[in-house]
Amino acid sequence: MKQSEKLSETVVRTETVHENGFTYRYVLFFRRDLHSSYRPPMYSIRAELTEEDGATYTAEVTDAFADPGHALIFFSLCHEHLVMPMHLSDVLADFEH
């Protein structure tokens, strides 16, 4: 019998920027499987963009980094350059090369 997957999400850092009527929010986090505590965490990044009318767009690169230092560098680049959710995976692909 397979145990159901239970994940615990831990937020490492959050940054929010308000610019030109848009709100950009970036979240660096990791999830732990509560049944597999022996595994090291994999870091993920979520990008959210909220327009003036309240429309919100979200994208996530999940389990993209094993190294917290690399995850933090990528997170900082996203925050500094206001990466839009629709470009998050492309920016990650460029970052990895």
N, C-alpha and C. Protein backbone atom coordinates (compact mmCIF):
# COMPACT_ATOMS: atom_id res chain seq x y z
N MET A 1 0.84 -1.17 0.00
CA MET A 1 0.00 0.00 0.00
C MET A 1 0.88 1.24 0.00
N LYS A 2 0.62 2.17 -0.90
CA LYS A 2 1.42 3.38 -1.05
C LYS A 2 0.89 4.48 -0.13
N GLN A 3 1.82 5.12 0.60
CA GLN A 3 1.42 6.23 1.46
C GLN A 3 1.14 7.45 0.60
N SER A 4 0.17 8.23 1.02
CA SER A 4 -0.11 9.46 0.27
C SER A 4 1.03 10.44 0.51
N GLU A 5 1.32 11.24 -0.51
CA GLU A 5 2.41 12.19 -0.44
C GLU A 5 1.99 13.39 0.38
N LYS A 6 2.76 13.69 1.44
CA LYS A 6 2.50 14.86 2.26
C LYS A 6 3.72 15.75 2.17
N LEU A 7 3.48 16.96 1.71
CA LEU A 7 4.58 17.90 1.52
C LEU A 7 4.46 19.08 2.49
N SER A 8 5.60 19.51 2.95
CA SER A 8 5.68 20.69 3.80
C SER A 8 6.45 21.75 3.01
N GLU A 9 5.85 22.92 2.79
CA GLU A 9 6.51 23.99 2.04
C GLU A 9 7.13 24.99 3.00
N THR A 10 8.39 25.30 2.78
CA THR A 10 9.11 26.28 3.58
C THR A 10 9.55 27.42 2.69
N VAL A 11 9.11 28.63 3.01
CA VAL A 11 9.49 29.82 2.25
C VAL A 11 10.83 30.31 2.79
N VAL A 12 11.79 30.47 1.87
CA VAL A 12 13.13 30.93 2.23
C VAL A 12 13.20 32.45 2.12
N ARG A 13 12.64 32.99 1.03
CA ARG A 13 12.69 34.44 0.81
C ARG A 13 11.52 34.86 -0.07
N THR A 14 11.01 36.05 0.17
CA THR A 14 9.97 36.65 -0.64
C THR A 14 10.34 38.10 -0.92
N GLU A 15 10.14 38.52 -2.16
CA GLU A 15 10.37 39.92 -2.54
C GLU A 15 9.16 40.40 -3.33
N THR A 16 8.73 41.62 -3.06
CA THR A 16 7.61 42.23 -3.77
C THR A 16 8.04 43.60 -4.28
N VAL A 17 7.71 43.87 -5.55
CA VAL A 17 8.05 45.15 -6.16
C VAL A 17 6.79 45.72 -6.80
N HIS A 18 6.52 47.00 -6.56
CA HIS A 18 5.41 47.71 -7.18
C HIS A 18 6.02 48.69 -8.19
N GLU A 19 5.68 48.49 -9.46
CA GLU A 19 6.24 49.36 -10.49
C GLU A 19 5.27 49.50 -11.66
N ASN A 20 5.05 50.75 -12.08
CA ASN A 20 4.19 51.07 -13.24
C ASN A 20 2.81 50.41 -13.17
N GLY A 21 2.23 50.38 -11.98
CA GLY A 21 0.90 49.81 -11.83
C GLY A 21 0.86 48.30 -11.70
N PHE A 22 2.00 47.67 -11.74
CA PHE A 22 2.08 46.21 -11.61
C PHE A 22 2.70 45.85 -10.27
N THR A 23 2.33 44.70 -9.75
CA THR A 23 2.96 44.17 -8.56
C THR A 23 3.64 42.86 -8.93
N TYR A 24 4.94 42.81 -8.74
CA TYR A 24 5.73 41.61 -9.00
C TYR A 24 6.04 40.98 -7.64
N ARG A 25 5.84 39.67 -7.54
CA ARG A 25 6.15 38.98 -6.30
C ARG A 25 6.94 37.72 -6.64
N TYR A 26 8.02 37.53 -5.93
CA TYR A 26 8.89 36.37 -6.14
C TYR A 26 9.03 35.62 -4.82
N VAL A 27 8.95 34.30 -4.89
CA VAL A 27 9.04 33.47 -3.70
C VAL A 27 10.06 32.36 -3.97
N LEU A 28 11.04 32.24 -3.09
CA LEU A 28 12.00 31.14 -3.11
C LEU A 28 11.59 30.19 -1.99
N PHE A 29 11.39 28.92 -2.34
CA PHE A 29 10.91 27.96 -1.34
C PHE A 29 11.40 26.56 -1.65
N PHE A 30 11.21 25.68 -0.68
CA PHE A 30 11.44 24.26 -0.93
C PHE A 30 10.33 23.47 -0.25
N ARG A 31 10.11 22.29 -0.77
CA ARG A 31 9.11 21.39 -0.21
C ARG A 31 9.81 20.14 0.27
N ARG A 32 9.39 19.66 1.39
CA ARG A 32 9.92 18.39 1.92
C ARG A 32 8.79 17.37 1.94
N ASP A 33 9.14 16.19 1.50
CA ASP A 33 8.21 15.06 1.61
C ASP A 33 8.31 14.58 3.06
N LEU A 34 7.23 14.64 3.79
CA LEU A 34 7.25 14.28 5.21
C LEU A 34 7.53 12.80 5.43
N HIS A 35 7.38 11.98 4.39
CA HIS A 35 7.66 10.55 4.51
C HIS A 35 9.07 10.20 4.07
N SER A 36 9.80 11.14 3.49
CA SER A 36 11.15 10.88 2.98
C SER A 36 12.10 11.96 3.49
N SER A 37 12.28 12.03 4.77
CA SER A 37 13.09 13.11 5.36
C SER A 37 14.57 12.97 5.06
N TYR A 38 15.00 11.84 4.52
CA TYR A 38 16.41 11.64 4.20
C TYR A 38 16.83 12.37 2.93
N ARG A 39 15.88 12.80 2.11
CA ARG A 39 16.19 13.49 0.87
C ARG A 39 16.50 14.96 1.13
N PRO A 40 17.55 15.48 0.49
CA PRO A 40 17.81 16.92 0.63
C PRO A 40 16.73 17.72 -0.10
N PRO A 41 16.47 18.94 0.37
CA PRO A 41 15.43 19.72 -0.29
C PRO A 41 15.85 20.19 -1.67
N MET A 42 14.87 20.33 -2.54
CA MET A 42 15.05 20.91 -3.87
C MET A 42 14.34 22.26 -3.84
N TYR A 43 15.03 23.29 -4.32
CA TYR A 43 14.52 24.65 -4.25
C TYR A 43 13.73 25.02 -5.50
N SER A 44 12.67 25.77 -5.29
CA SER A 44 11.76 26.19 -6.35
C SER A 44 11.57 27.70 -6.27
N ILE A 45 11.14 28.28 -7.38
CA ILE A 45 10.87 29.72 -7.42
C ILE A 45 9.52 29.96 -8.08
N ARG A 46 8.74 30.83 -7.47
CA ARG A 46 7.43 31.21 -8.00
C ARG A 46 7.48 32.70 -8.33
N ALA A 47 6.95 33.05 -9.50
CA ALA A 47 6.86 34.45 -9.93
C ALA A 47 5.38 34.78 -10.12
N GLU A 48 4.95 35.90 -9.58
CA GLU A 48 3.56 36.33 -9.71
C GLU A 48 3.55 37.77 -10.22
N LEU A 49 2.62 38.05 -11.09
CA LEU A 49 2.44 39.40 -11.62
C LEU A 49 0.97 39.75 -11.46
N THR A 50 0.69 40.85 -10.78
CA THR A 50 -0.67 41.32 -10.60
C THR A 50 -0.82 42.67 -11.28
N GLU A 51 -1.81 42.76 -12.17
CA GLU A 51 -2.06 44.00 -12.89
C GLU A 51 -2.97 44.90 -12.06
N GLU A 52 -3.12 46.16 -12.49
CA GLU A 52 -3.96 47.12 -11.77
C GLU A 52 -5.39 46.64 -11.60
N ASP A 53 -5.91 45.93 -12.60
CA ASP A 53 -7.31 45.46 -12.54
C ASP A 53 -7.47 44.20 -11.69
N GLY A 54 -6.37 43.71 -11.10
CA GLY A 54 -6.44 42.55 -10.23
C GLY A 54 -6.12 41.22 -10.92
N ALA A 55 -5.98 41.22 -12.22
CA ALA A 55 -5.62 39.99 -12.93
C ALA A 55 -4.24 39.54 -12.46
N THR A 56 -4.12 38.27 -12.14
CA THR A 56 -2.87 37.73 -11.62
C THR A 56 -2.39 36.58 -12.49
N TYR A 57 -1.09 36.59 -12.78
CA TYR A 57 -0.45 35.54 -13.56
C TYR A 57 0.65 34.94 -12.69
N THR A 58 0.75 33.62 -12.70
CA THR A 58 1.72 32.93 -11.85
C THR A 58 2.43 31.85 -12.64
N ALA A 59 3.71 31.69 -12.36
CA ALA A 59 4.49 30.58 -12.92
C ALA A 59 5.44 30.10 -11.84
N GLU A 60 5.85 28.86 -11.96
CA GLU A 60 6.71 28.25 -10.96
C GLU A 60 7.71 27.33 -11.65
N VAL A 61 8.95 27.40 -11.22
CA VAL A 61 9.93 26.40 -11.62
C VAL A 61 10.16 25.55 -10.37
N THR A 62 9.69 24.33 -10.44
CA THR A 62 9.65 23.46 -9.27
C THR A 62 10.86 22.54 -9.24
N ASP A 63 11.44 22.41 -8.06
CA ASP A 63 12.58 21.52 -7.84
C ASP A 63 13.69 21.79 -8.85
N ALA A 64 13.99 23.06 -9.06
CA ALA A 64 14.97 23.47 -10.07
C ALA A 64 16.41 23.46 -9.56
N PHE A 65 16.60 23.58 -8.25
CA PHE A 65 17.95 23.72 -7.70
C PHE A 65 18.14 22.83 -6.48
N ALA A 66 19.25 22.11 -6.45
CA ALA A 66 19.64 21.36 -5.26
C ALA A 66 20.51 22.23 -4.35
N ASP A 67 21.23 23.16 -4.97
CA ASP A 67 22.14 24.03 -4.23
C ASP A 67 21.42 25.33 -3.84
N PRO A 68 21.33 25.62 -2.54
CA PRO A 68 20.63 26.84 -2.13
C PRO A 68 21.30 28.11 -2.62
N GLY A 69 22.63 28.10 -2.80
CA GLY A 69 23.33 29.27 -3.31
C GLY A 69 22.93 29.60 -4.74
N HIS A 70 22.85 28.58 -5.59
CA HIS A 70 22.42 28.81 -6.97
C HIS A 70 20.96 29.26 -7.01
N ALA A 71 20.14 28.69 -6.15
CA ALA A 71 18.73 29.09 -6.10
C ALA A 71 18.60 30.56 -5.71
N LEU A 72 19.41 30.99 -4.75
CA LEU A 72 19.36 32.38 -4.31
C LEU A 72 19.87 33.34 -5.39
N ILE A 73 20.89 32.94 -6.12
CA ILE A 73 21.39 33.77 -7.23
C ILE A 73 20.31 33.94 -8.29
N PHE A 74 19.67 32.84 -8.66
CA PHE A 74 18.61 32.91 -9.68
C PHE A 74 17.44 33.75 -9.17
N PHE A 75 17.06 33.55 -7.93
CA PHE A 75 15.98 34.33 -7.31
C PHE A 75 16.31 35.83 -7.37
N SER A 76 17.54 36.19 -7.03
CA SER A 76 17.95 37.60 -7.04
C SER A 76 17.91 38.18 -8.45
N LEU A 77 18.35 37.41 -9.44
CA LEU A 77 18.29 37.88 -10.82
C LEU A 77 16.85 38.13 -11.26
N CYS A 78 15.96 37.22 -10.90
CA CYS A 78 14.54 37.39 -11.26
C CYS A 78 13.98 38.65 -10.63
N HIS A 79 14.28 38.85 -9.36
CA HIS A 79 13.78 40.01 -8.63
C HIS A 79 14.36 41.30 -9.19
N GLU A 80 15.65 41.35 -9.42
CA GLU A 80 16.30 42.57 -9.91
C GLU A 80 15.86 42.97 -11.31
N HIS A 81 15.57 41.98 -12.16
CA HIS A 81 15.21 42.26 -13.55
C HIS A 81 13.71 42.14 -13.82
N LEU A 82 12.93 41.99 -12.75
CA LEU A 82 11.47 41.90 -12.85
C LEU A 82 11.03 40.90 -13.94
N VAL A 83 11.49 39.69 -13.79
CA VAL A 83 11.13 38.62 -14.73
C VAL A 83 9.64 38.35 -14.62
N MET A 84 8.98 38.34 -15.75
CA MET A 84 7.54 38.08 -15.79
C MET A 84 7.30 36.56 -15.72
N PRO A 85 6.18 36.15 -15.12
CA PRO A 85 5.90 34.72 -15.01
C PRO A 85 6.00 33.95 -16.32
N MET A 86 5.53 34.55 -17.41
CA MET A 86 5.55 33.84 -18.69
C MET A 86 6.96 33.61 -19.22
N HIS A 87 7.95 34.29 -18.66
CA HIS A 87 9.33 34.13 -19.11
C HIS A 87 10.20 33.35 -18.12
N LEU A 88 9.63 32.96 -17.00
CA LEU A 88 10.42 32.34 -15.93
C LEU A 88 11.17 31.09 -16.39
N SER A 89 10.52 30.18 -17.07
CA SER A 89 11.19 28.94 -17.49
C SER A 89 12.26 29.22 -18.55
N ASP A 90 12.03 30.21 -19.42
CA ASP A 90 13.04 30.57 -20.42
C ASP A 90 14.29 31.17 -19.75
N VAL A 91 14.06 32.00 -18.76
CA VAL A 91 15.18 32.61 -18.05
C VAL A 91 15.96 31.53 -17.31
N LEU A 92 15.26 30.56 -16.74
CA LEU A 92 15.94 29.45 -16.08
C LEU A 92 16.78 28.66 -17.07
N ALA A 93 16.26 28.39 -18.25
CA ALA A 93 17.01 27.65 -19.28
C ALA A 93 18.28 28.41 -19.65
N ASP A 94 18.19 29.73 -19.80
CA ASP A 94 19.38 30.55 -20.10
C ASP A 94 20.36 30.55 -18.94
N PHE A 95 19.85 30.58 -17.72
CA PHE A 95 20.69 30.61 -16.52
C PHE A 95 21.49 29.32 -16.40
N GLU A 96 20.91 28.21 -16.78
CA GLU A 96 21.57 26.91 -16.65
C GLU A 96 22.68 26.72 -17.68
N HIS A 97 22.69 27.53 -18.73
CA HIS A 97 23.73 27.37 -19.76
C HIS A 97 24.85 28.28 -19.47
